[in-house]
Amino acid sequence: MKVRYQEIMERIYLACIVLSAAAVVVMTAIIPYGVVMRYVVHSPQSWPEPLAVLLMIVFTFIGGAGVYRAQVHIRINALLDFVKPEVRRKMLLVADALMVLACLFMVGYGAILVQTTWFQTIAEFPGLSVGLTYLPIPVSGFVTLLFVIEYLWIGPPPKTSIIYQDQPQTE
């Protein structure tokens, strides 16, 4: 069962990375387009900037879930490096418990935010629900929670994971 769970988490991780990478690529393309249209063609477009903001929401939240699983998120290890191993384990357990609380907060209040804003629209995209644009918040909270469960239940991803593909294998 653990192996199957890790396989599912690997697929979810890859989806997070692909989706956030696509958001960055599209964002990188539309920002220069907006600048060229405004300052070179003198025909400013209203949609590149709000679309870039929406893509940044996807990149930030969905990508954040992916970097959590890969354990490459921003963290400060200075204090952990100066404490005894048993204290370090307890501190990491507290950090994991806080991560679970953060994930539950994102899922719960993110869902409320989505519901509250579902019938509002964005001026530049009248057919797009504001609630839909906030959907990455509860989704990423849920996905990150799944990754936290994987880490606590099974441990870090196996060395066969795509996470370790570019790193030298030492055993």
N, C-alpha and C. Protein backbone atom coordinates (compact mmCIF):
# COMPACT_ATOMS: atom_id res chain seq x y z
N MET A 1 0.81 -1.19 0.00
CA MET A 1 0.00 0.00 0.00
C MET A 1 0.86 1.26 0.00
N LYS A 2 1.98 1.22 0.74
CA LYS A 2 2.88 2.37 0.78
C LYS A 2 3.47 2.66 -0.60
N VAL A 3 3.84 1.61 -1.30
CA VAL A 3 4.44 1.78 -2.63
C VAL A 3 3.42 2.41 -3.57
N ARG A 4 2.19 1.95 -3.52
CA ARG A 4 1.14 2.51 -4.38
C ARG A 4 0.89 3.98 -4.05
N TYR A 5 0.88 4.31 -2.76
CA TYR A 5 0.68 5.70 -2.35
C TYR A 5 1.81 6.57 -2.90
N GLN A 6 3.06 6.09 -2.79
CA GLN A 6 4.19 6.86 -3.31
C GLN A 6 4.10 7.03 -4.83
N GLU A 7 3.65 6.01 -5.53
CA GLU A 7 3.48 6.12 -6.98
C GLU A 7 2.46 7.21 -7.32
N ILE A 8 1.37 7.24 -6.59
CA ILE A 8 0.34 8.27 -6.82
C ILE A 8 0.91 9.65 -6.49
N MET A 9 1.65 9.75 -5.40
CA MET A 9 2.24 11.03 -5.02
C MET A 9 3.26 11.49 -6.07
N GLU A 10 3.97 10.55 -6.66
CA GLU A 10 4.94 10.90 -7.71
C GLU A 10 4.21 11.50 -8.92
N ARG A 11 3.09 10.91 -9.28
CA ARG A 11 2.31 11.45 -10.41
C ARG A 11 1.74 12.83 -10.08
N ILE A 12 1.26 12.99 -8.87
CA ILE A 12 0.74 14.30 -8.46
C ILE A 12 1.87 15.33 -8.44
N TYR A 13 3.02 14.92 -7.94
CA TYR A 13 4.19 15.80 -7.92
C TYR A 13 4.55 16.25 -9.34
N LEU A 14 4.61 15.31 -10.26
CA LEU A 14 4.93 15.66 -11.65
C LEU A 14 3.89 16.62 -12.23
N ALA A 15 2.63 16.39 -11.94
CA ALA A 15 1.57 17.29 -12.41
C ALA A 15 1.78 18.70 -11.84
N CYS A 16 2.13 18.79 -10.57
CA CYS A 16 2.40 20.10 -9.95
C CYS A 16 3.54 20.82 -10.65
N ILE A 17 4.61 20.09 -10.91
CA ILE A 17 5.79 20.70 -11.53
C ILE A 17 5.48 21.13 -12.96
N VAL A 18 4.80 20.27 -13.72
CA VAL A 18 4.47 20.60 -15.11
C VAL A 18 3.53 21.80 -15.16
N LEU A 19 2.52 21.81 -14.30
CA LEU A 19 1.56 22.92 -14.30
C LEU A 19 2.23 24.23 -13.91
N SER A 20 3.06 24.20 -12.88
CA SER A 20 3.72 25.45 -12.49
C SER A 20 4.75 25.89 -13.51
N ALA A 21 5.44 24.95 -14.14
CA ALA A 21 6.39 25.32 -15.20
C ALA A 21 5.65 25.94 -16.39
N ALA A 22 4.52 25.38 -16.76
CA ALA A 22 3.73 25.93 -17.86
C ALA A 22 3.26 27.34 -17.51
N ALA A 23 2.87 27.56 -16.26
CA ALA A 23 2.44 28.90 -15.84
C ALA A 23 3.58 29.90 -15.99
N VAL A 24 4.78 29.51 -15.62
CA VAL A 24 5.93 30.41 -15.74
C VAL A 24 6.25 30.69 -17.21
N VAL A 25 6.18 29.67 -18.05
CA VAL A 25 6.48 29.85 -19.47
C VAL A 25 5.47 30.82 -20.10
N VAL A 26 4.20 30.61 -19.83
CA VAL A 26 3.17 31.49 -20.40
C VAL A 26 3.33 32.91 -19.86
N MET A 27 3.60 33.01 -18.57
CA MET A 27 3.81 34.32 -17.95
C MET A 27 5.00 35.04 -18.60
N THR A 28 6.05 34.30 -18.84
CA THR A 28 7.25 34.86 -19.46
C THR A 28 6.97 35.34 -20.88
N ALA A 29 6.03 34.71 -21.55
CA ALA A 29 5.70 35.11 -22.92
C ALA A 29 4.76 36.31 -22.95
N ILE A 30 3.79 36.38 -22.05
CA ILE A 30 2.78 37.44 -22.16
C ILE A 30 3.25 38.77 -21.59
N ILE A 31 4.16 38.78 -20.64
CA ILE A 31 4.62 40.06 -20.08
C ILE A 31 5.37 40.86 -21.14
N PRO A 32 6.34 40.28 -21.86
CA PRO A 32 6.98 41.06 -22.94
C PRO A 32 5.98 41.49 -24.02
N TYR A 33 5.02 40.62 -24.31
CA TYR A 33 3.99 40.98 -25.28
C TYR A 33 3.26 42.25 -24.84
N GLY A 34 2.88 42.29 -23.56
CA GLY A 34 2.19 43.46 -23.03
C GLY A 34 3.04 44.72 -23.10
N VAL A 35 4.33 44.57 -22.81
CA VAL A 35 5.25 45.71 -22.86
C VAL A 35 5.40 46.20 -24.30
N VAL A 36 5.60 45.29 -25.25
CA VAL A 36 5.75 45.66 -26.65
C VAL A 36 4.48 46.35 -27.16
N MET A 37 3.33 45.78 -26.82
CA MET A 37 2.08 46.37 -27.28
C MET A 37 1.89 47.79 -26.72
N ARG A 38 2.28 48.00 -25.48
CA ARG A 38 2.09 49.30 -24.85
C ARG A 38 3.09 50.33 -25.36
N TYR A 39 4.39 49.99 -25.39
CA TYR A 39 5.41 50.99 -25.64
C TYR A 39 5.94 51.03 -27.08
N VAL A 40 5.79 49.95 -27.82
CA VAL A 40 6.28 49.93 -29.20
C VAL A 40 5.13 50.16 -30.17
N VAL A 41 4.07 49.40 -30.02
CA VAL A 41 2.93 49.49 -30.93
C VAL A 41 1.97 50.60 -30.51
N HIS A 42 2.07 51.07 -29.27
CA HIS A 42 1.19 52.09 -28.70
C HIS A 42 -0.28 51.66 -28.73
N SER A 43 -0.47 50.37 -28.45
CA SER A 43 -1.82 49.81 -28.38
C SER A 43 -1.89 48.91 -27.14
N PRO A 44 -1.99 49.53 -25.95
CA PRO A 44 -1.96 48.73 -24.73
C PRO A 44 -3.10 47.71 -24.66
N GLN A 45 -2.75 46.54 -24.17
CA GLN A 45 -3.73 45.47 -23.99
C GLN A 45 -4.07 45.40 -22.51
N SER A 46 -5.31 45.09 -22.20
CA SER A 46 -5.74 45.07 -20.80
C SER A 46 -5.53 43.72 -20.13
N TRP A 47 -5.32 42.65 -20.90
CA TRP A 47 -5.33 41.31 -20.32
C TRP A 47 -3.98 40.73 -19.89
N PRO A 48 -2.80 41.15 -20.43
CA PRO A 48 -1.56 40.46 -20.03
C PRO A 48 -1.24 40.54 -18.54
N GLU A 49 -1.41 41.71 -17.94
CA GLU A 49 -1.06 41.83 -16.52
C GLU A 49 -1.97 41.01 -15.62
N PRO A 50 -3.31 41.09 -15.75
CA PRO A 50 -4.14 40.25 -14.88
C PRO A 50 -3.93 38.76 -15.13
N LEU A 51 -3.67 38.38 -16.38
CA LEU A 51 -3.41 36.97 -16.65
C LEU A 51 -2.11 36.54 -15.98
N ALA A 52 -1.10 37.40 -16.01
CA ALA A 52 0.16 37.09 -15.34
C ALA A 52 -0.04 36.90 -13.84
N VAL A 53 -0.90 37.72 -13.25
CA VAL A 53 -1.19 37.59 -11.81
C VAL A 53 -1.87 36.24 -11.54
N LEU A 54 -2.81 35.88 -12.38
CA LEU A 54 -3.50 34.59 -12.21
C LEU A 54 -2.52 33.42 -12.36
N LEU A 55 -1.63 33.52 -13.32
CA LEU A 55 -0.62 32.47 -13.52
C LEU A 55 0.35 32.42 -12.34
N MET A 56 0.64 33.57 -11.75
CA MET A 56 1.52 33.60 -10.57
C MET A 56 0.86 32.89 -9.39
N ILE A 57 -0.45 33.00 -9.28
CA ILE A 57 -1.17 32.28 -8.22
C ILE A 57 -1.00 30.77 -8.42
N VAL A 58 -1.16 30.32 -9.66
CA VAL A 58 -0.98 28.89 -9.96
C VAL A 58 0.45 28.48 -9.66
N PHE A 59 1.41 29.26 -10.17
CA PHE A 59 2.83 28.93 -9.97
C PHE A 59 3.18 28.88 -8.48
N THR A 60 2.72 29.86 -7.74
CA THR A 60 3.08 29.95 -6.32
C THR A 60 2.50 28.80 -5.51
N PHE A 61 1.22 28.57 -5.64
CA PHE A 61 0.57 27.58 -4.78
C PHE A 61 0.83 26.15 -5.25
N ILE A 62 0.62 25.87 -6.53
CA ILE A 62 0.82 24.51 -7.03
C ILE A 62 2.31 24.16 -7.02
N GLY A 63 3.15 25.11 -7.42
CA GLY A 63 4.60 24.89 -7.36
C GLY A 63 5.08 24.71 -5.92
N GLY A 64 4.46 25.43 -5.00
CA GLY A 64 4.82 25.29 -3.58
C GLY A 64 4.58 23.89 -3.06
N ALA A 65 3.50 23.28 -3.51
CA ALA A 65 3.24 21.90 -3.10
C ALA A 65 4.34 20.98 -3.63
N GLY A 66 4.73 21.20 -4.87
CA GLY A 66 5.78 20.37 -5.47
C GLY A 66 7.12 20.51 -4.76
N VAL A 67 7.50 21.75 -4.44
CA VAL A 67 8.79 21.93 -3.78
C VAL A 67 8.77 21.38 -2.36
N TYR A 68 7.60 21.32 -1.74
CA TYR A 68 7.53 20.69 -0.43
C TYR A 68 7.90 19.21 -0.54
N ARG A 69 7.32 18.54 -1.52
CA ARG A 69 7.62 17.11 -1.67
C ARG A 69 9.08 16.88 -1.98
N ALA A 70 9.65 17.75 -2.80
CA ALA A 70 11.06 17.60 -3.16
C ALA A 70 12.00 18.06 -2.04
N GLN A 71 11.40 18.63 -0.98
CA GLN A 71 12.16 19.15 0.16
C GLN A 71 13.18 20.20 -0.27
N VAL A 72 12.79 21.06 -1.21
CA VAL A 72 13.66 22.14 -1.66
C VAL A 72 13.02 23.50 -1.38
N HIS A 73 12.05 23.54 -0.47
CA HIS A 73 11.42 24.80 -0.11
C HIS A 73 12.38 25.61 0.75
N ILE A 74 12.07 26.87 0.90
CA ILE A 74 12.91 27.76 1.69
C ILE A 74 12.77 27.39 3.16
N ARG A 75 13.90 27.16 3.78
CA ARG A 75 13.89 26.90 5.22
C ARG A 75 15.27 27.25 5.77
N ILE A 76 15.31 27.49 7.04
CA ILE A 76 16.56 27.87 7.69
C ILE A 76 16.96 26.72 8.61
N ASN A 77 18.08 26.13 8.32
CA ASN A 77 18.55 24.97 9.08
C ASN A 77 19.54 25.33 10.18
N ALA A 78 19.87 26.61 10.33
CA ALA A 78 20.91 26.99 11.29
C ALA A 78 20.62 26.45 12.69
N LEU A 79 19.41 26.65 13.16
CA LEU A 79 19.06 26.18 14.50
C LEU A 79 19.10 24.65 14.57
N LEU A 80 18.59 23.98 13.55
CA LEU A 80 18.60 22.52 13.53
C LEU A 80 20.02 21.96 13.58
N ASP A 81 20.95 22.67 12.97
CA ASP A 81 22.33 22.20 12.92
C ASP A 81 23.03 22.28 14.28
N PHE A 82 22.49 23.07 15.20
CA PHE A 82 23.14 23.27 16.48
C PHE A 82 22.50 22.52 17.64
N VAL A 83 21.49 21.72 17.37
CA VAL A 83 20.85 20.98 18.44
C VAL A 83 21.15 19.49 18.31
N LYS A 84 20.94 18.78 19.40
CA LYS A 84 21.17 17.34 19.41
C LYS A 84 20.15 16.64 18.51
N PRO A 85 20.49 15.46 17.98
CA PRO A 85 19.57 14.75 17.08
C PRO A 85 18.18 14.52 17.64
N GLU A 86 18.07 14.19 18.93
CA GLU A 86 16.74 13.94 19.49
C GLU A 86 15.91 15.24 19.55
N VAL A 87 16.56 16.36 19.82
CA VAL A 87 15.86 17.65 19.82
C VAL A 87 15.48 18.02 18.38
N ARG A 88 16.38 17.76 17.45
CA ARG A 88 16.12 18.03 16.04
C ARG A 88 14.88 17.26 15.56
N ARG A 89 14.78 15.99 15.94
CA ARG A 89 13.62 15.18 15.55
C ARG A 89 12.33 15.79 16.09
N LYS A 90 12.36 16.23 17.35
CA LYS A 90 11.17 16.84 17.95
C LYS A 90 10.81 18.16 17.25
N MET A 91 11.83 18.96 16.93
CA MET A 91 11.58 20.22 16.24
C MET A 91 10.98 19.96 14.85
N LEU A 92 11.49 18.96 14.16
CA LEU A 92 10.96 18.64 12.83
C LEU A 92 9.53 18.11 12.93
N LEU A 93 9.24 17.37 13.97
CA LEU A 93 7.87 16.88 14.19
C LEU A 93 6.91 18.05 14.43
N VAL A 94 7.35 19.03 15.23
CA VAL A 94 6.53 20.23 15.45
C VAL A 94 6.33 20.97 14.12
N ALA A 95 7.39 21.08 13.32
CA ALA A 95 7.28 21.75 12.01
C ALA A 95 6.28 21.01 11.11
N ASP A 96 6.32 19.68 11.14
CA ASP A 96 5.37 18.90 10.34
C ASP A 96 3.94 19.10 10.83
N ALA A 97 3.77 19.16 12.15
CA ALA A 97 2.43 19.40 12.71
C ALA A 97 1.92 20.78 12.29
N LEU A 98 2.79 21.76 12.31
CA LEU A 98 2.41 23.11 11.86
C LEU A 98 2.09 23.12 10.37
N MET A 99 2.81 22.31 9.61
CA MET A 99 2.53 22.21 8.18
C MET A 99 1.15 21.61 7.94
N VAL A 100 0.79 20.60 8.73
CA VAL A 100 -0.55 20.02 8.63
C VAL A 100 -1.60 21.09 8.92
N LEU A 101 -1.38 21.88 9.97
CA LEU A 101 -2.33 22.95 10.31
C LEU A 101 -2.43 23.98 9.18
N ALA A 102 -1.30 24.34 8.59
CA ALA A 102 -1.30 25.29 7.48
C ALA A 102 -2.08 24.73 6.29
N CYS A 103 -1.88 23.45 6.02
CA CYS A 103 -2.60 22.81 4.91
C CYS A 103 -4.10 22.79 5.17
N LEU A 104 -4.48 22.44 6.38
CA LEU A 104 -5.91 22.41 6.72
C LEU A 104 -6.52 23.81 6.63
N PHE A 105 -5.76 24.81 7.05
CA PHE A 105 -6.21 26.20 6.93
C PHE A 105 -6.42 26.57 5.46
N MET A 106 -5.46 26.21 4.61
CA MET A 106 -5.57 26.51 3.18
C MET A 106 -6.77 25.81 2.56
N VAL A 107 -6.98 24.57 2.92
CA VAL A 107 -8.13 23.82 2.38
C VAL A 107 -9.43 24.44 2.86
N GLY A 108 -9.56 24.64 4.17
CA GLY A 108 -10.81 25.14 4.74
C GLY A 108 -11.15 26.55 4.31
N TYR A 109 -10.25 27.47 4.59
CA TYR A 109 -10.53 28.86 4.26
C TYR A 109 -10.39 29.14 2.77
N GLY A 110 -9.55 28.38 2.09
CA GLY A 110 -9.46 28.51 0.64
C GLY A 110 -10.77 28.11 -0.02
N ALA A 111 -11.40 27.05 0.48
CA ALA A 111 -12.69 26.62 -0.07
C ALA A 111 -13.76 27.67 0.20
N ILE A 112 -13.72 28.29 1.37
CA ILE A 112 -14.68 29.36 1.67
C ILE A 112 -14.45 30.55 0.73
N LEU A 113 -13.21 30.89 0.49
CA LEU A 113 -12.88 31.98 -0.43
C LEU A 113 -13.39 31.67 -1.84
N VAL A 114 -13.18 30.44 -2.29
CA VAL A 114 -13.65 30.04 -3.62
C VAL A 114 -15.18 30.15 -3.69
N GLN A 115 -15.86 29.63 -2.68
CA GLN A 115 -17.32 29.68 -2.66
C GLN A 115 -17.84 31.12 -2.62
N THR A 116 -17.22 31.94 -1.81
CA THR A 116 -17.67 33.32 -1.64
C THR A 116 -17.52 34.13 -2.93
N THR A 117 -16.48 33.86 -3.67
CA THR A 117 -16.19 34.66 -4.87
C THR A 117 -16.58 33.97 -6.17
N TRP A 118 -17.25 32.83 -6.09
CA TRP A 118 -17.53 32.03 -7.29
C TRP A 118 -18.34 32.80 -8.34
N PHE A 119 -19.28 33.61 -7.92
CA PHE A 119 -20.16 34.29 -8.88
C PHE A 119 -19.69 35.70 -9.23
N GLN A 120 -18.50 36.05 -8.81
CA GLN A 120 -17.90 37.32 -9.21
C GLN A 120 -17.03 37.06 -10.44
N THR A 121 -16.86 38.09 -11.25
CA THR A 121 -16.02 37.94 -12.44
C THR A 121 -14.91 38.99 -12.44
N ILE A 122 -13.91 38.74 -13.25
CA ILE A 122 -12.79 39.65 -13.42
C ILE A 122 -13.12 40.54 -14.61
N ALA A 123 -12.90 41.85 -14.47
CA ALA A 123 -13.29 42.79 -15.52
C ALA A 123 -12.65 42.44 -16.87
N GLU A 124 -11.38 42.08 -16.86
CA GLU A 124 -10.68 41.77 -18.11
C GLU A 124 -11.09 40.43 -18.71
N PHE A 125 -11.64 39.55 -17.87
CA PHE A 125 -12.08 38.22 -18.31
C PHE A 125 -13.49 37.97 -17.80
N PRO A 126 -14.50 38.55 -18.43
CA PRO A 126 -15.86 38.47 -17.89
C PRO A 126 -16.41 37.06 -17.77
N GLY A 127 -15.89 36.11 -18.51
CA GLY A 127 -16.38 34.74 -18.41
C GLY A 127 -15.66 33.92 -17.36
N LEU A 128 -14.70 34.52 -16.65
CA LEU A 128 -13.89 33.78 -15.68
C LEU A 128 -14.32 34.12 -14.26
N SER A 129 -14.66 33.09 -13.52
CA SER A 129 -15.06 33.24 -12.12
C SER A 129 -13.86 33.57 -11.25
N VAL A 130 -14.02 34.55 -10.36
CA VAL A 130 -12.97 34.86 -9.40
C VAL A 130 -12.69 33.65 -8.51
N GLY A 131 -13.76 32.93 -8.17
CA GLY A 131 -13.60 31.73 -7.35
C GLY A 131 -12.70 30.71 -8.02
N LEU A 132 -12.82 30.57 -9.31
CA LEU A 132 -11.96 29.64 -10.05
C LEU A 132 -10.50 30.06 -9.97
N THR A 133 -10.27 31.36 -9.97
CA THR A 133 -8.88 31.82 -9.89
C THR A 133 -8.27 31.56 -8.51
N TYR A 134 -9.11 31.45 -7.48
CA TYR A 134 -8.63 31.15 -6.14
C TYR A 134 -8.56 29.65 -5.86
N LEU A 135 -9.03 28.84 -6.77
CA LEU A 135 -9.05 27.39 -6.58
C LEU A 135 -7.67 26.78 -6.29
N PRO A 136 -6.57 27.32 -6.83
CA PRO A 136 -5.26 26.74 -6.47
C PRO A 136 -4.95 26.75 -4.98
N ILE A 137 -5.58 27.63 -4.22
CA ILE A 137 -5.28 27.70 -2.78
C ILE A 137 -5.74 26.43 -2.06
N PRO A 138 -7.03 26.06 -2.10
CA PRO A 138 -7.41 24.82 -1.42
C PRO A 138 -6.84 23.57 -2.08
N VAL A 139 -6.68 23.60 -3.40
CA VAL A 139 -6.12 22.43 -4.09
C VAL A 139 -4.68 22.21 -3.64
N SER A 140 -3.88 23.26 -3.60
CA SER A 140 -2.49 23.09 -3.17
C SER A 140 -2.40 22.71 -1.70
N GLY A 141 -3.32 23.23 -0.88
CA GLY A 141 -3.34 22.82 0.53
C GLY A 141 -3.60 21.33 0.67
N PHE A 142 -4.55 20.83 -0.13
CA PHE A 142 -4.87 19.40 -0.09
C PHE A 142 -3.70 18.56 -0.60
N VAL A 143 -3.11 18.98 -1.71
CA VAL A 143 -1.98 18.23 -2.29
C VAL A 143 -0.79 18.24 -1.33
N THR A 144 -0.51 19.39 -0.75
CA THR A 144 0.60 19.46 0.21
C THR A 144 0.32 18.58 1.41
N LEU A 145 -0.92 18.54 1.85
CA LEU A 145 -1.29 17.65 2.95
C LEU A 145 -1.01 16.19 2.59
N LEU A 146 -1.33 15.82 1.35
CA LEU A 146 -1.02 14.45 0.90
C LEU A 146 0.48 14.20 0.94
N PHE A 147 1.28 15.21 0.57
CA PHE A 147 2.74 15.06 0.60
C PHE A 147 3.25 14.98 2.03
N VAL A 148 2.65 15.73 2.94
CA VAL A 148 3.04 15.66 4.36
C VAL A 148 2.72 14.27 4.90
N ILE A 149 1.56 13.75 4.56
CA ILE A 149 1.19 12.40 5.00
C ILE A 149 2.20 11.39 4.46
N GLU A 150 2.57 11.54 3.20
CA GLU A 150 3.58 10.64 2.62
C GLU A 150 4.88 10.72 3.40
N TYR A 151 5.32 11.92 3.69
CA TYR A 151 6.60 12.11 4.39
C TYR A 151 6.56 11.52 5.80
N LEU A 152 5.44 11.75 6.52
CA LEU A 152 5.34 11.24 7.89
C LEU A 152 5.13 9.73 7.93
N TRP A 153 4.37 9.20 6.98
CA TRP A 153 4.02 7.79 6.98
C TRP A 153 5.13 6.93 6.37
N ILE A 154 5.71 7.39 5.27
CA ILE A 154 6.65 6.57 4.52
C ILE A 154 8.08 7.11 4.59
N GLY A 155 8.21 8.41 4.69
CA GLY A 155 9.52 9.05 4.64
C GLY A 155 9.68 9.80 3.33
N PRO A 156 10.89 10.29 3.06
CA PRO A 156 11.10 11.05 1.83
C PRO A 156 10.86 10.17 0.60
N PRO A 157 10.62 10.81 -0.55
CA PRO A 157 10.40 10.03 -1.78
C PRO A 157 11.57 9.08 -2.04
N PRO A 158 11.31 7.96 -2.69
CA PRO A 158 12.38 7.00 -2.96
C PRO A 158 13.41 7.58 -3.92
N LYS A 159 14.61 7.05 -3.90
CA LYS A 159 15.68 7.53 -4.76
C LYS A 159 15.36 7.33 -6.24
N THR A 160 14.34 6.53 -6.55
CA THR A 160 13.93 6.34 -7.95
C THR A 160 13.02 7.47 -8.42
N SER A 161 12.64 8.37 -7.52
CA SER A 161 11.75 9.47 -7.87
C SER A 161 12.41 10.39 -8.87
N ILE A 162 11.60 11.07 -9.65
CA ILE A 162 12.08 12.06 -10.60
C ILE A 162 12.84 13.17 -9.87
N ILE A 163 12.57 13.36 -8.61
CA ILE A 163 13.24 14.38 -7.80
C ILE A 163 14.74 14.17 -7.81
N TYR A 164 15.17 12.92 -7.79
CA TYR A 164 16.59 12.61 -7.66
C TYR A 164 17.26 12.28 -8.99
N GLN A 165 16.58 12.44 -10.11
CA GLN A 165 17.12 12.04 -11.40
C GLN A 165 18.43 12.76 -11.75
N ASP A 166 18.54 14.05 -11.40
CA ASP A 166 19.72 14.82 -11.79
C ASP A 166 20.81 14.82 -10.74
N GLN A 167 20.59 14.12 -9.64
CA GLN A 167 21.57 14.11 -8.57
C GLN A 167 22.38 12.83 -8.63
N PRO A 168 23.68 12.91 -8.32
CA PRO A 168 24.48 11.69 -8.31
C PRO A 168 24.00 10.73 -7.23
N GLN A 169 23.94 9.48 -7.57
CA GLN A 169 23.50 8.44 -6.63
C GLN A 169 24.68 7.99 -5.76
N THR A 170 24.56 8.16 -4.47
CA THR A 170 25.60 7.71 -3.54
C THR A 170 24.96 6.76 -2.55
N GLU A 171 25.59 5.67 -2.31
CA GLU A 171 25.04 4.69 -1.37
C GLU A 171 26.16 4.10 -0.57
